[in-house]
């Protein structure tokens, strides 16, 4: 009888590798940064500014922030500013992006709402 354990192990390793590749943040644009949970929002904003990025929104979990920058190397700068993880926002969508019964806010809606522009509402 042949053993299926090598095939199961290989399948698991490939799945983990695919998840890690998908979670890699882009060099520029929008990404999710996870800072230590003991930091308050003011400290997180200061660290984001030190990384030469802009805050798009806070996540529902403590320490999660969606940030944006058009300068290359943002993941490296965020890690230097104290972020524990920097993830692709699509891969991190399950980290508290949406409240139950409400759609997740995207960067456009958040920026428009911050400017006071109500045209995005239906």
PDB file of N, CA and C in Angstrom:
ATOM      1  N   UNK A   1       0.840  -1.173   0.000  1.00  0.00           N
ATOM      2  CA  UNK A   1       0.000   0.000   0.000  1.00  0.00           C
ATOM      3  C   UNK A   1       0.886   1.237   0.000  1.00  0.00           C
ATOM      4  N   UNK A   2       0.555   2.160  -0.867  1.00  0.00           N
ATOM      5  CA  UNK A   2       1.358   3.376  -0.954  1.00  0.00           C
ATOM      6  C   UNK A   2       0.880   4.392   0.074  1.00  0.00           C
ATOM      7  N   UNK A   3       1.820   5.192   0.503  1.00  0.00           N
ATOM      8  CA  UNK A   3       1.515   6.218   1.495  1.00  0.00           C
ATOM      9  C   UNK A   3       1.194   7.547   0.807  1.00  0.00           C
ATOM     10  N   UNK A   4       0.167   8.182   1.268  1.00  0.00           N
ATOM     11  CA  UNK A   4      -0.217   9.481   0.727  1.00  0.00           C
ATOM     12  C   UNK A   4       0.408  10.643   1.493  1.00  0.00           C
ATOM     13  N   UNK A   5       1.135  10.366   2.561  1.00  0.00           N
ATOM     14  CA  UNK A   5       1.703  11.437   3.381  1.00  0.00           C
ATOM     15  C   UNK A   5       2.659  12.346   2.616  1.00  0.00           C
ATOM     16  N   UNK A   6       3.522  11.841   1.758  1.00  0.00           N
ATOM     17  CA  UNK A   6       4.378  12.765   0.996  1.00  0.00           C
ATOM     18  C   UNK A   6       3.575  13.716   0.113  1.00  0.00           C
ATOM     19  N   UNK A   7       2.526  13.220  -0.520  1.00  0.00           N
ATOM     20  CA  UNK A   7       1.691  14.077  -1.370  1.00  0.00           C
ATOM     21  C   UNK A   7       0.943  15.113  -0.534  1.00  0.00           C
ATOM     22  N   UNK A   8       0.451  14.709   0.623  1.00  0.00           N
ATOM     23  CA  UNK A   8      -0.247  15.644   1.506  1.00  0.00           C
ATOM     24  C   UNK A   8       0.719  16.711   2.012  1.00  0.00           C
ATOM     25  N   UNK A   9       1.923  16.303   2.385  1.00  0.00           N
ATOM     26  CA  UNK A   9       2.930  17.263   2.843  1.00  0.00           C
ATOM     27  C   UNK A   9       3.323  18.252   1.760  1.00  0.00           C
ATOM     28  N   UNK A  10       3.511  17.759   0.547  1.00  0.00           N
ATOM     29  CA  UNK A  10       3.866  18.639  -0.569  1.00  0.00           C
ATOM     30  C   UNK A  10       2.734  19.615  -0.879  1.00  0.00           C
ATOM     31  N   UNK A  11       1.506  19.134  -0.850  1.00  0.00           N
ATOM     32  CA  UNK A  11       0.355  20.009  -1.094  1.00  0.00           C
ATOM     33  C   UNK A  11       0.277  21.103  -0.035  1.00  0.00           C
ATOM     34  N   UNK A  12       0.485  20.742   1.212  1.00  0.00           N
ATOM     35  CA  UNK A  12       0.471  21.735   2.291  1.00  0.00           C
ATOM     36  C   UNK A  12       1.572  22.766   2.132  1.00  0.00           C
ATOM     37  N   UNK A  13       2.771  22.321   1.759  1.00  0.00           N
ATOM     38  CA  UNK A  13       3.885  23.252   1.567  1.00  0.00           C
ATOM     39  C   UNK A  13       3.619  24.217   0.418  1.00  0.00           C
ATOM     40  N   UNK A  14       3.038  23.716  -0.656  1.00  0.00           N
ATOM     41  CA  UNK A  14       2.709  24.580  -1.796  1.00  0.00           C
ATOM     42  C   UNK A  14       1.649  25.601  -1.402  1.00  0.00           C
ATOM     43  N   UNK A  15       0.644  25.191  -0.642  1.00  0.00           N
ATOM     44  CA  UNK A  15      -0.404  26.119  -0.204  1.00  0.00           C
ATOM     45  C   UNK A  15       0.170  27.222   0.682  1.00  0.00           C
ATOM     46  N   UNK A  16       1.042  26.867   1.607  1.00  0.00           N
ATOM     47  CA  UNK A  16       1.671  27.874   2.471  1.00  0.00           C
ATOM     48  C   UNK A  16       2.515  28.827   1.640  1.00  0.00           C
ATOM     49  N   UNK A  17       3.270  28.302   0.687  1.00  0.00           N
ATOM     50  CA  UNK A  17       4.092  29.160  -0.173  1.00  0.00           C
ATOM     51  C   UNK A  17       3.228  30.121  -0.980  1.00  0.00           C
ATOM     52  N   UNK A  18       2.116  29.649  -1.509  1.00  0.00           N
ATOM     53  CA  UNK A  18       1.216  30.524  -2.266  1.00  0.00           C
ATOM     54  C   UNK A  18       0.623  31.613  -1.384  1.00  0.00           C
ATOM     55  N   UNK A  19       0.252  31.282  -0.166  1.00  0.00           N
ATOM     56  CA  UNK A  19      -0.286  32.287   0.751  1.00  0.00           C
ATOM     57  C   UNK A  19       0.758  33.340   1.091  1.00  0.00           C
ATOM     58  N   UNK A  20       1.988  32.912   1.319  1.00  0.00           N
ATOM     59  CA  UNK A  20       3.052  33.869   1.631  1.00  0.00           C
ATOM     60  C   UNK A  20       3.354  34.782   0.449  1.00  0.00           C
ATOM     61  N   UNK A  21       3.340  34.229  -0.744  1.00  0.00           N
ATOM     62  CA  UNK A  21       3.581  35.048  -1.938  1.00  0.00           C
ATOM     63  C   UNK A  21       2.451  36.051  -2.123  1.00  0.00           C
ATOM     64  N   UNK A  22       1.222  35.627  -1.923  1.00  0.00           N
ATOM     65  CA  UNK A  22       0.070  36.517  -2.086  1.00  0.00           C
ATOM     66  C   UNK A  22       0.079  37.636  -1.054  1.00  0.00           C
ATOM     67  N   UNK A  23       0.575  37.382   0.136  1.00  0.00           N
ATOM     68  CA  UNK A  23       0.554  38.377   1.208  1.00  0.00           C
ATOM     69  C   UNK A  23       1.637  39.438   1.057  1.00  0.00           C
ATOM     70  N   UNK A  24       2.603  39.228   0.171  1.00  0.00           N
ATOM     71  CA  UNK A  24       3.674  40.205  -0.002  1.00  0.00           C
ATOM     72  C   UNK A  24       3.100  41.538  -0.466  1.00  0.00           C
ATOM     73  N   UNK A  25       3.457  42.635   0.213  1.00  0.00           N
ATOM     74  CA  UNK A  25       2.925  43.936  -0.189  1.00  0.00           C
ATOM     75  C   UNK A  25       3.600  44.446  -1.451  1.00  0.00           C
ATOM     76  N   UNK A  26       2.923  45.322  -2.181  1.00  0.00           N
ATOM     77  CA  UNK A  26       3.554  45.940  -3.347  1.00  0.00           C
ATOM     78  C   UNK A  26       4.612  46.942  -2.892  1.00  0.00           C
ATOM     79  N   UNK A  27       5.458  47.390  -3.805  1.00  0.00           N
ATOM     80  CA  UNK A  27       6.501  48.359  -3.451  1.00  0.00           C
ATOM     81  C   UNK A  27       5.915  49.733  -3.160  1.00  0.00           C
ATOM     82  N   UNK A  28       4.838  50.085  -3.835  1.00  0.00           N
ATOM     83  CA  UNK A  28       4.164  51.364  -3.609  1.00  0.00           C
ATOM     84  C   UNK A  28       2.663  51.124  -3.560  1.00  0.00           C
ATOM     85  N   UNK A  29       1.935  52.141  -3.189  1.00  0.00           N
ATOM     86  CA  UNK A  29       0.482  52.049  -3.180  1.00  0.00           C
ATOM     87  C   UNK A  29      -0.053  51.778  -1.793  1.00  0.00           C
ATOM     88  N   UNK A  30      -1.182  51.105  -1.749  1.00  0.00           N
ATOM     89  CA  UNK A  30      -1.879  50.862  -0.495  1.00  0.00           C
ATOM     90  C   UNK A  30      -1.484  49.519   0.080  1.00  0.00           C
ATOM     91  N   UNK A  31      -1.301  49.472   1.404  1.00  0.00           N
ATOM     92  CA  UNK A  31      -0.979  48.234   2.093  1.00  0.00           C
ATOM     93  C   UNK A  31      -1.437  48.313   3.537  1.00  0.00           C
ATOM     94  N   UNK A  32      -1.447  47.187   4.206  1.00  0.00           N
ATOM     95  CA  UNK A  32      -1.868  47.105   5.599  1.00  0.00           C
ATOM     96  C   UNK A  32      -0.630  46.948   6.465  1.00  0.00           C
ATOM     97  N   UNK A  33      -0.536  47.786   7.495  1.00  0.00           N
ATOM     98  CA  UNK A  33       0.564  47.698   8.453  1.00  0.00           C
ATOM     99  C   UNK A  33      -0.008  47.310   9.810  1.00  0.00           C
ATOM    100  N   UNK A  34       0.640  46.373  10.458  1.00  0.00           N
ATOM    101  CA  UNK A  34       0.211  45.943  11.785  1.00  0.00           C
ATOM    102  C   UNK A  34       1.276  46.364  12.777  1.00  0.00           C
ATOM    103  N   UNK A  35       0.934  47.333  13.614  1.00  0.00           N
ATOM    104  CA  UNK A  35       1.825  47.842  14.647  1.00  0.00           C
ATOM    105  C   UNK A  35       1.496  47.154  15.968  1.00  0.00           C
ATOM    106  N   UNK A  36       2.394  47.242  16.962  1.00  0.00           N
ATOM    107  CA  UNK A  36       2.089  46.640  18.266  1.00  0.00           C
ATOM    108  C   UNK A  36       0.767  47.170  18.824  1.00  0.00           C
ATOM    109  N   UNK A  37      -0.021  46.290  19.411  1.00  0.00           N
ATOM    110  CA  UNK A  37      -1.371  46.642  19.863  1.00  0.00           C
ATOM    111  C   UNK A  37      -1.368  47.634  21.019  1.00  0.00           C
ATOM    112  N   UNK A  38      -0.269  47.742  21.754  1.00  0.00           N
ATOM    113  CA  UNK A  38      -0.255  48.660  22.900  1.00  0.00           C
ATOM    114  C   UNK A  38      -0.115  50.126  22.478  1.00  0.00           C
ATOM    115  N   UNK A  39       0.210  50.386  21.214  1.00  0.00           N
ATOM    116  CA  UNK A  39       0.338  51.765  20.741  1.00  0.00           C
ATOM    117  C   UNK A  39      -1.041  52.387  20.553  1.00  0.00           C
ATOM    118  N   UNK A  40      -1.176  53.657  20.939  1.00  0.00           N
ATOM    119  CA  UNK A  40      -2.435  54.345  20.666  1.00  0.00           C
ATOM    120  C   UNK A  40      -2.416  54.870  19.234  1.00  0.00           C
ATOM    121  N   UNK A  41      -3.553  55.374  18.786  1.00  0.00           N
ATOM    122  CA  UNK A  41      -3.673  55.805  17.390  1.00  0.00           C
ATOM    123  C   UNK A  41      -2.738  56.960  17.065  1.00  0.00           C
ATOM    124  N   UNK A  42      -2.511  57.850  18.016  1.00  0.00           N
ATOM    125  CA  UNK A  42      -1.594  58.964  17.780  1.00  0.00           C
ATOM    126  C   UNK A  42      -0.175  58.483  17.511  1.00  0.00           C
ATOM    127  N   UNK A  43       0.275  57.485  18.276  1.00  0.00           N
ATOM    128  CA  UNK A  43       1.617  56.937  18.072  1.00  0.00           C
ATOM    129  C   UNK A  43       1.714  56.213  16.734  1.00  0.00           C
ATOM    130  N   UNK A  44       0.646  55.531  16.346  1.00  0.00           N
ATOM    131  CA  UNK A  44       0.648  54.838  15.057  1.00  0.00           C
ATOM    132  C   UNK A  44       0.712  55.841  13.917  1.00  0.00           C
ATOM    133  N   UNK A  45      -0.062  56.925  14.013  1.00  0.00           N
ATOM    134  CA  UNK A  45      -0.036  57.958  12.975  1.00  0.00           C
ATOM    135  C   UNK A  45       1.354  58.576  12.887  1.00  0.00           C
ATOM    136  N   UNK A  46       2.000  58.807  14.028  1.00  0.00           N
ATOM    137  CA  UNK A  46       3.353  59.367  14.021  1.00  0.00           C
ATOM    138  C   UNK A  46       4.339  58.424  13.340  1.00  0.00           C
ATOM    139  N   UNK A  47       4.200  57.135  13.577  1.00  0.00           N
ATOM    140  CA  UNK A  47       5.099  56.171  12.936  1.00  0.00           C
ATOM    141  C   UNK A  47       4.836  56.067  11.433  1.00  0.00           C
ATOM    142  N   UNK A  48       3.573  56.176  11.048  1.00  0.00           N
ATOM    143  CA  UNK A  48       3.245  56.163   9.621  1.00  0.00           C
ATOM    144  C   UNK A  48       3.834  57.389   8.942  1.00  0.00           C
ATOM    145  N   UNK A  49       3.724  58.543   9.589  1.00  0.00           N
ATOM    146  CA  UNK A  49       4.301  59.770   9.035  1.00  0.00           C
ATOM    147  C   UNK A  49       5.820  59.671   8.961  1.00  0.00           C
ATOM    148  N   UNK A  50       6.441  59.033   9.956  1.00  0.00           N
ATOM    149  CA  UNK A  50       7.895  58.857   9.931  1.00  0.00           C
ATOM    150  C   UNK A  50       8.329  57.969   8.767  1.00  0.00           C
ATOM    151  N   UNK A  51       7.447  57.088   8.317  1.00  0.00           N
ATOM    152  CA  UNK A  51       7.739  56.220   7.171  1.00  0.00           C
ATOM    153  C   UNK A  51       7.396  56.900   5.853  1.00  0.00           C
ATOM    154  N   UNK A  52       7.047  58.174   5.899  1.00  0.00           N
ATOM    155  CA  UNK A  52       6.684  58.963   4.720  1.00  0.00           C
ATOM    156  C   UNK A  52       5.507  58.334   3.982  1.00  0.00           C
ATOM    157  N   UNK A  53       4.470  58.021   4.758  1.00  0.00           N
ATOM    158  CA  UNK A  53       3.252  57.434   4.202  1.00  0.00           C
ATOM    159  C   UNK A  53       2.056  58.204   4.746  1.00  0.00           C
ATOM    160  N   UNK A  54       0.896  57.904   4.198  1.00  0.00           N
ATOM    161  CA  UNK A  54      -0.348  58.536   4.644  1.00  0.00           C
ATOM    162  C   UNK A  54      -1.299  57.476   5.169  1.00  0.00           C
ATOM    163  N   UNK A  55      -2.003  57.835   6.219  1.00  0.00           N
ATOM    164  CA  UNK A  55      -3.008  56.945   6.782  1.00  0.00           C
ATOM    165  C   UNK A  55      -4.259  56.991   5.920  1.00  0.00           C
ATOM    166  N   UNK A  56      -4.751  55.821   5.532  1.00  0.00           N
ATOM    167  CA  UNK A  56      -6.013  55.726   4.797  1.00  0.00           C
ATOM    168  C   UNK A  56      -7.137  55.424   5.780  1.00  0.00           C
ATOM    169  N   UNK A  57      -6.934  54.439   6.645  1.00  0.00           N
ATOM    170  CA  UNK A  57      -7.957  54.063   7.624  1.00  0.00           C
ATOM    171  C   UNK A  57      -7.327  53.185   8.690  1.00  0.00           C
ATOM    172  N   UNK A  58      -7.978  53.127   9.840  1.00  0.00           N
ATOM    173  CA  UNK A  58      -7.593  52.181  10.873  1.00  0.00           C
ATOM    174  C   UNK A  58      -8.425  50.917  10.704  1.00  0.00           C
ATOM    175  N   UNK A  59      -7.832  49.777  11.025  1.00  0.00           N
ATOM    176  CA  UNK A  59      -8.562  48.521  11.016  1.00  0.00           C
ATOM    177  C   UNK A  59      -9.361  48.371  12.295  1.00  0.00           C
ATOM    178  N   UNK A  60     -10.166  47.322  12.368  1.00  0.00           N
ATOM    179  CA  UNK A  60     -10.955  47.079  13.573  1.00  0.00           C
ATOM    180  C   UNK A  60     -10.116  46.479  14.683  1.00  0.00           C
ATOM    181  N   UNK A  61      -9.032  45.862  14.363  1.00  0.00           N
ATOM    182  CA  UNK A  61      -8.155  45.278  15.369  1.00  0.00           C
ATOM    183  C   UNK A  61      -7.138  46.323  15.823  1.00  0.00           C
ATOM    184  N   UNK A  62      -6.739  46.293  17.100  1.00  0.00           N
ATOM    185  CA  UNK A  62      -5.744  47.258  17.582  1.00  0.00           C
ATOM    186  C   UNK A  62      -4.427  47.124  16.815  1.00  0.00           C
ATOM    187  N   UNK A  63      -3.901  48.244  16.384  1.00  0.00           N
ATOM    188  CA  UNK A  63      -2.619  48.262  15.691  1.00  0.00           C
ATOM    189  C   UNK A  63      -2.692  48.140  14.186  1.00  0.00           C
ATOM    190  N   UNK A  64      -3.846  47.805  13.630  1.00  0.00           N
ATOM    191  CA  UNK A  64      -3.972  47.665  12.175  1.00  0.00           C
ATOM    192  C   UNK A  64      -4.267  49.010  11.534  1.00  0.00           C
ATOM    193  N   UNK A  65      -3.540  49.307  10.467  1.00  0.00           N
ATOM    194  CA  UNK A  65      -3.756  50.553   9.733  1.00  0.00           C
ATOM    195  C   UNK A  65      -3.546  50.300   8.249  1.00  0.00           C
ATOM    196  N   UNK A  66      -4.397  50.898   7.443  1.00  0.00           N
ATOM    197  CA  UNK A  66      -4.228  50.876   5.992  1.00  0.00           C
ATOM    198  C   UNK A  66      -3.492  52.157   5.634  1.00  0.00           C
ATOM    199  N   UNK A  67      -2.361  52.014   4.951  1.00  0.00           N
ATOM    200  CA  UNK A  67      -1.521  53.169   4.621  1.00  0.00           C
ATOM    201  C   UNK A  67      -1.284  53.228   3.119  1.00  0.00           C
ATOM    202  N   UNK A  68      -0.816  54.391   2.654  1.00  0.00           N
ATOM    203  CA  UNK A  68      -0.563  54.592   1.232  1.00  0.00           C
ATOM    204  C   UNK A  68       0.660  55.474   1.055  1.00  0.00           C
ATOM    205  N   UNK A  69       1.439  55.180   0.020  1.00  0.00           N
ATOM    206  CA  UNK A  69       2.557  56.022  -0.393  1.00  0.00           C
ATOM    207  C   UNK A  69       2.874  55.717  -1.849  1.00  0.00           C
ATOM    208  N   UNK A  70       3.331  56.754  -2.554  1.00  0.00           N
ATOM    209  CA  UNK A  70       3.727  56.542  -3.949  1.00  0.00           C
ATOM    210  C   UNK A  70       5.239  56.406  -4.087  1.00  0.00           C
ATOM    211  N   UNK A  71       5.967  56.469  -2.976  1.00  0.00           N
ATOM    212  CA  UNK A  71       7.417  56.277  -3.009  1.00  0.00           C
ATOM    213  C   UNK A  71       7.760  54.803  -2.832  1.00  0.00           C
ATOM    214  N   UNK A  72       8.654  54.268  -3.658  1.00  0.00           N
ATOM    215  CA  UNK A  72       9.043  52.857  -3.512  1.00  0.00           C
ATOM    216  C   UNK A  72       9.708  52.589  -2.159  1.00  0.00           C
ATOM    217  N   UNK A  73       9.603  51.368  -1.699  1.00  0.00           N
ATOM    218  CA  UNK A  73      10.258  50.954  -0.462  1.00  0.00           C
ATOM    219  C   UNK A  73       9.421  51.156   0.788  1.00  0.00           C
ATOM    220  N   UNK A  74       8.125  51.336   0.640  1.00  0.00           N
ATOM    221  CA  UNK A  74       7.276  51.574   1.808  1.00  0.00           C
ATOM    222  C   UNK A  74       7.286  50.411   2.801  1.00  0.00           C
ATOM    223  N   UNK A  75       7.236  49.151   2.387  1.00  0.00           N
ATOM    224  CA  UNK A  75       7.272  48.071   3.386  1.00  0.00           C
ATOM    225  C   UNK A  75       8.516  48.136   4.275  1.00  0.00           C
ATOM    226  N   UNK A  76       9.662  48.421   3.686  1.00  0.00           N
ATOM    227  CA  UNK A  76      10.900  48.527   4.467  1.00  0.00           C
ATOM    228  C   UNK A  76      10.823  49.687   5.455  1.00  0.00           C
ATOM    229  N   UNK A  77      10.300  50.834   5.006  1.00  0.00           N
ATOM    230  CA  UNK A  77      10.209  52.007   5.883  1.00  0.00           C
ATOM    231  C   UNK A  77       9.210  51.780   7.021  1.00  0.00           C
ATOM    232  N   UNK A  78       8.112  51.090   6.730  1.00  0.00           N
ATOM    233  CA  UNK A  78       7.141  50.801   7.784  1.00  0.00           C
ATOM    234  C   UNK A  78       7.720  49.850   8.826  1.00  0.00           C
ATOM    235  N   UNK A  79       8.462  48.850   8.381  1.00  0.00           N
ATOM    236  CA  UNK A  79       9.090  47.930   9.340  1.00  0.00           C
ATOM    237  C   UNK A  79      10.116  48.662  10.192  1.00  0.00           C
ATOM    238  N   UNK A  80      10.855  49.593   9.579  1.00  0.00           N
ATOM    239  CA  UNK A  80      11.827  50.382  10.339  1.00  0.00           C
ATOM    240  C   UNK A  80      11.125  51.291  11.351  1.00  0.00           C
ATOM    241  N   UNK A  81       9.886  51.683  11.059  1.00  0.00           N
ATOM    242  CA  UNK A  81       9.119  52.540  11.967  1.00  0.00           C
ATOM    243  C   UNK A  81       8.397  51.734  13.048  1.00  0.00           C
ATOM    244  N   UNK A  82       8.517  50.423  13.015  1.00  0.00           N
ATOM    245  CA  UNK A  82       7.957  49.605  14.081  1.00  0.00           C
ATOM    246  C   UNK A  82       6.817  48.689  13.705  1.00  0.00           C
ATOM    247  N   UNK A  83       6.451  48.620  12.438  1.00  0.00           N
ATOM    248  CA  UNK A  83       5.375  47.710  12.028  1.00  0.00           C
ATOM    249  C   UNK A  83       5.868  46.270  12.125  1.00  0.00           C
ATOM    250  N   UNK A  84       5.072  45.430  12.742  1.00  0.00           N
ATOM    251  CA  UNK A  84       5.449  44.015  12.852  1.00  0.00           C
ATOM    252  C   UNK A  84       5.231  43.282  11.537  1.00  0.00           C
ATOM    253  N   UNK A  85       4.116  43.580  10.876  1.00  0.00           N
ATOM    254  CA  UNK A  85       3.785  42.962   9.598  1.00  0.00           C
ATOM    255  C   UNK A  85       3.361  44.040   8.627  1.00  0.00           C
ATOM    256  N   UNK A  86       3.707  43.853   7.373  1.00  0.00           N
ATOM    257  CA  UNK A  86       3.227  44.711   6.291  1.00  0.00           C
ATOM    258  C   UNK A  86       2.692  43.767   5.219  1.00  0.00           C
ATOM    259  N   UNK A  87       1.403  43.902   4.900  1.00  0.00           N
ATOM    260  CA  UNK A  87       0.736  42.940   4.029  1.00  0.00           C
ATOM    261  C   UNK A  87       0.039  43.608   2.862  1.00  0.00           C
ATOM    262  N   UNK A  88      -0.165  42.823   1.829  1.00  0.00           N
ATOM    263  CA  UNK A  88      -0.997  43.231   0.712  1.00  0.00           C
ATOM    264  C   UNK A  88      -2.418  43.418   1.252  1.00  0.00           C
ATOM    265  N   UNK A  89      -3.090  44.535   0.944  1.00  0.00           N
ATOM    266  CA  UNK A  89      -4.427  44.743   1.511  1.00  0.00           C
ATOM    267  C   UNK A  89      -5.452  43.704   1.063  1.00  0.00           C
ATOM    268  N   UNK A  90      -5.292  43.132  -0.110  1.00  0.00           N
ATOM    269  CA  UNK A  90      -6.223  42.090  -0.550  1.00  0.00           C
ATOM    270  C   UNK A  90      -6.031  40.809   0.249  1.00  0.00           C
ATOM    271  N   UNK A  91      -4.793  40.504   0.608  1.00  0.00           N
ATOM    272  CA  UNK A  91      -4.527  39.308   1.393  1.00  0.00           C
ATOM    273  C   UNK A  91      -4.940  39.497   2.847  1.00  0.00           C
ATOM    274  N   UNK A  92      -4.940  40.735   3.317  1.00  0.00           N
ATOM    275  CA  UNK A  92      -5.275  41.021   4.708  1.00  0.00           C
ATOM    276  C   UNK A  92      -6.735  41.391   4.895  1.00  0.00           C
ATOM    277  N   UNK A  93      -7.568  41.157   3.918  1.00  0.00           N
ATOM    278  CA  UNK A  93      -8.975  41.572   3.996  1.00  0.00           C
ATOM    279  C   UNK A  93      -9.707  40.924   5.159  1.00  0.00           C
ATOM    280  N   UNK A  94      -9.257  39.784   5.610  1.00  0.00           N
ATOM    281  CA  UNK A  94      -9.919  39.126   6.730  1.00  0.00           C
ATOM    282  C   UNK A  94      -9.468  39.613   8.083  1.00  0.00           C
ATOM    283  N   UNK A  95      -8.642  40.638   8.140  1.00  0.00           N
ATOM    284  CA  UNK A  95      -8.110  41.145   9.406  1.00  0.00           C
ATOM    285  C   UNK A  95      -8.941  42.286   9.972  1.00  0.00           C
ATOM    286  N   UNK A  96     -10.220  42.297   9.739  1.00  0.00           N
ATOM    287  CA  UNK A  96     -11.066  43.310  10.341  1.00  0.00           C
ATOM    288  C   UNK A  96     -11.410  44.449   9.421  1.00  0.00           C
ATOM    289  N   UNK A  97     -11.477  44.214   8.142  1.00  0.00           N
ATOM    290  CA  UNK A  97     -11.792  45.286   7.216  1.00  0.00           C
ATOM    291  C   UNK A  97     -13.249  45.667   7.193  1.00  0.00           C
ATOM    292  N   UNK A  98     -14.135  44.739   7.445  1.00  0.00           N
ATOM    293  CA  UNK A  98     -15.565  45.046   7.366  1.00  0.00           C
ATOM    294  C   UNK A  98     -16.259  44.676   8.666  1.00  0.00           C
ATOM    295  N   UNK A  99     -17.213  45.479   9.042  1.00  0.00           N
ATOM    296  CA  UNK A  99     -18.059  45.145  10.179  1.00  0.00           C
ATOM    297  C   UNK A  99     -19.219  44.310   9.659  1.00  0.00           C
ATOM    298  N   UNK A 100     -19.784  43.545  10.536  1.00  0.00           N
ATOM    299  CA  UNK A 100     -20.885  42.695  10.089  1.00  0.00           C
ATOM    300  C   UNK A 100     -22.035  43.552   9.577  1.00  0.00           C
ATOM    301  N   UNK A 101     -22.526  43.193   8.407  1.00  0.00           N
ATOM    302  CA  UNK A 101     -23.636  43.909   7.824  1.00  0.00           C
ATOM    303  C   UNK A 101     -23.256  45.146   7.048  1.00  0.00           C
ATOM    304  N   UNK A 102     -21.984  45.499   7.016  1.00  0.00           N
ATOM    305  CA  UNK A 102     -21.549  46.689   6.293  1.00  0.00           C
ATOM    306  C   UNK A 102     -20.408  46.318   5.361  1.00  0.00           C
ATOM    307  N   UNK A 103     -20.346  46.914   4.191  1.00  0.00           N
ATOM    308  CA  UNK A 103     -19.228  46.631   3.298  1.00  0.00           C
ATOM    309  C   UNK A 103     -17.952  47.260   3.824  1.00  0.00           C
ATOM    310  N   UNK A 104     -16.828  46.693   3.448  1.00  0.00           N
ATOM    311  CA  UNK A 104     -15.539  47.264   3.830  1.00  0.00           C
ATOM    312  C   UNK A 104     -15.339  48.579   3.094  1.00  0.00           C
ATOM    313  N   UNK A 105     -14.791  49.559   3.795  1.00  0.00           N
ATOM    314  CA  UNK A 105     -14.502  50.827   3.132  1.00  0.00           C
ATOM    315  C   UNK A 105     -13.219  50.686   2.342  1.00  0.00           C
ATOM    316  N   UNK A 106     -13.225  51.199   1.146  1.00  0.00           N
ATOM    317  CA  UNK A 106     -12.000  51.188   0.369  1.00  0.00           C
ATOM    318  C   UNK A 106     -11.314  52.536   0.497  1.00  0.00           C
ATOM    319  N   UNK A 107     -10.149  52.676  -0.074  1.00  0.00           N
ATOM    320  CA  UNK A 107      -9.370  53.904   0.070  1.00  0.00           C
ATOM    321  C   UNK A 107     -10.110  55.104  -0.499  1.00  0.00           C
ATOM    322  N   UNK A 108     -10.797  54.947  -1.619  1.00  0.00           N
ATOM    323  CA  UNK A 108     -11.485  56.078  -2.242  1.00  0.00           C
ATOM    324  C   UNK A 108     -12.583  56.613  -1.331  1.00  0.00           C
ATOM    325  N   UNK A 109     -13.397  55.712  -0.793  1.00  0.00           N
ATOM    326  CA  UNK A 109     -14.486  56.149   0.080  1.00  0.00           C
ATOM    327  C   UNK A 109     -13.925  56.812   1.324  1.00  0.00           C
ATOM    328  N   UNK A 110     -12.865  56.251   1.918  1.00  0.00           N
ATOM    329  CA  UNK A 110     -12.287  56.822   3.123  1.00  0.00           C
ATOM    330  C   UNK A 110     -11.729  58.203   2.855  1.00  0.00           C
ATOM    331  N   UNK A 111     -11.001  58.374   1.757  1.00  0.00           N
ATOM    332  CA  UNK A 111     -10.429  59.675   1.432  1.00  0.00           C
ATOM    333  C   UNK A 111     -11.531  60.675   1.146  1.00  0.00           C
ATOM    334  N   UNK A 112     -12.548  60.280   0.391  1.00  0.00           N
ATOM    335  CA  UNK A 112     -13.647  61.189   0.090  1.00  0.00           C
ATOM    336  C   UNK A 112     -14.377  61.596   1.364  1.00  0.00           C
ATOM    337  N   UNK A 113     -14.594  60.658   2.259  1.00  0.00           N
ATOM    338  CA  UNK A 113     -15.290  60.979   3.502  1.00  0.00           C
ATOM    339  C   UNK A 113     -14.443  61.898   4.376  1.00  0.00           C
ATOM    340  N   UNK A 114     -13.128  61.696   4.388  1.00  0.00           N
ATOM    341  CA  UNK A 114     -12.251  62.557   5.179  1.00  0.00           C
ATOM    342  C   UNK A 114     -12.258  63.985   4.653  1.00  0.00           C
ATOM    343  N   UNK A 115     -12.416  64.150   3.344  1.00  0.00           N
ATOM    344  CA  UNK A 115     -12.463  65.487   2.756  1.00  0.00           C
ATOM    345  C   UNK A 115     -13.826  66.131   2.939  1.00  0.00           C
ATOM    346  N   UNK A 116     -14.802  65.371   3.358  1.00  0.00           N
ATOM    347  CA  UNK A 116     -16.139  65.905   3.527  1.00  0.00           C
ATOM    348  C   UNK A 116     -16.987  65.825   2.277  1.00  0.00           C
ATOM    349  N   UNK A 117     -16.506  65.140   1.266  1.00  0.00           N
ATOM    350  CA  UNK A 117     -17.235  65.007   0.012  1.00  0.00           C
ATOM    351  C   UNK A 117     -18.309  63.937   0.184  1.00  0.00           C
ATOM    352  N   UNK A 118     -19.549  64.314   0.076  1.00  0.00           N
ATOM    353  CA  UNK A 118     -20.647  63.372   0.266  1.00  0.00           C
ATOM    354  C   UNK A 118     -21.157  62.810  -1.052  1.00  0.00           C
ATOM    355  N   UNK A 119     -20.521  63.146  -2.165  1.00  0.00           N
ATOM    356  CA  UNK A 119     -21.003  62.703  -3.475  1.00  0.00           C
ATOM    357  C   UNK A 119     -20.901  61.193  -3.642  1.00  0.00           C
ATOM    358  N   UNK A 120     -20.036  60.534  -2.879  1.00  0.00           N
ATOM    359  CA  UNK A 120     -19.860  59.097  -3.028  1.00  0.00           C
ATOM    360  C   UNK A 120     -21.024  58.323  -2.438  1.00  0.00           C
ATOM    361  N   UNK A 121     -21.829  58.969  -1.585  1.00  0.00           N
ATOM    362  CA  UNK A 121     -22.971  58.271  -0.995  1.00  0.00           C
ATOM    363  C   UNK A 121     -24.106  58.175  -1.988  1.00  0.00           C
ATOM    364  N   UNK A 122     -24.874  57.115  -1.901  1.00  0.00           N
ATOM    365  CA  UNK A 122     -26.014  56.936  -2.803  1.00  0.00           C
ATOM    366  C   UNK A 122     -27.264  57.509  -2.202  1.00  0.00           C
TER     367      UNK A 122
END
